[in-house]
Amino acid sequence: MIAENLSTIKALAFDFGGTLDAPFLHWLDIYLMAYAETLGKPLDRDVFYESYVYGERQMESQQLVNKEHSLLETQLFKTHLQTAHLIERKVLDDTLYNREELPKHVAEWVTNYSAGYVRRNEPVLRKLSEKYTLLLVSNYYGNIRRIATDLHIADCFRSITDSTIEGVRKPDPKLWELAIQRAGFRPEEVMVIGDSTKNDILPALSLGCHTVQGYPENIKPEKIDLSRDYIFSIEELLPLLLG
């Protein structure tokens, strides 16, 4: 547990998506909120899931994003892919609004949502960086440094590791290992903070890192792994790590 290992921890390695830009929610659920507010009615989660996965795969296979694309530009690629697929599947009507305006509105909604959570978490990162070296490790599209710079948190981190640039993606622990080695630490000196058991916690544990898993506040208690340290907000790291 954290209290027992504080003396050995020298660095904190953060996931980005779902961890720093959201309250430990999967981005599928965040898009569902965006579509519900924009359309004025909810989309079925299972129905939307197919189009969400389609968009993610196309983002990767088409390599639409370059290192200079902003958060909004990145989201526009994703929402255009999602809405086009929803229209093709006849989940949404084929209208000019759904083809052109809806993806813009959803992209703006999720961009504002993401930026808002990063702004909320920035003071915590800066406070933690006074004692620990911070690392950012993300499955992203090659532009996570641009995103972090635009959101004014890039200078909090000694290194920023992007899966697209490195050619390796979580859950492969090599992405975490690469970031840790480049920063000059041993795994046992690093605590990994993330929202995904598969992508963050298990790979980190396999390397010998300490971990803290973030859970959304409304999670059912029986789904929390009580054998590991966990939090419901980034702010909770301050009393845990700084006392």
Foldseek 3Di string as FASTA:
>chain_A
DLVVQLVQAAEEEEEQPCAQQHLLDHVLVVLQVLLCVLVVHGDDSVVLVVQQVQLVVCCVVVLPDEQQDEQLRVQLSSLLSSLVVCCVVVVDPPDPCSNPVSSNSSSVSSVVSRLVSNVVCQVVLQVVLVRHAYEYFYADSHHVLNHCVVSPRNVSHPYYFYCNVVVHAPVQLVSVVVRQVVVPHQLCNYEYEESDCRGTVVSSVVRPHAYEHEDDPPDDPVPDDPVHHYDSHSVVVCVSNVD
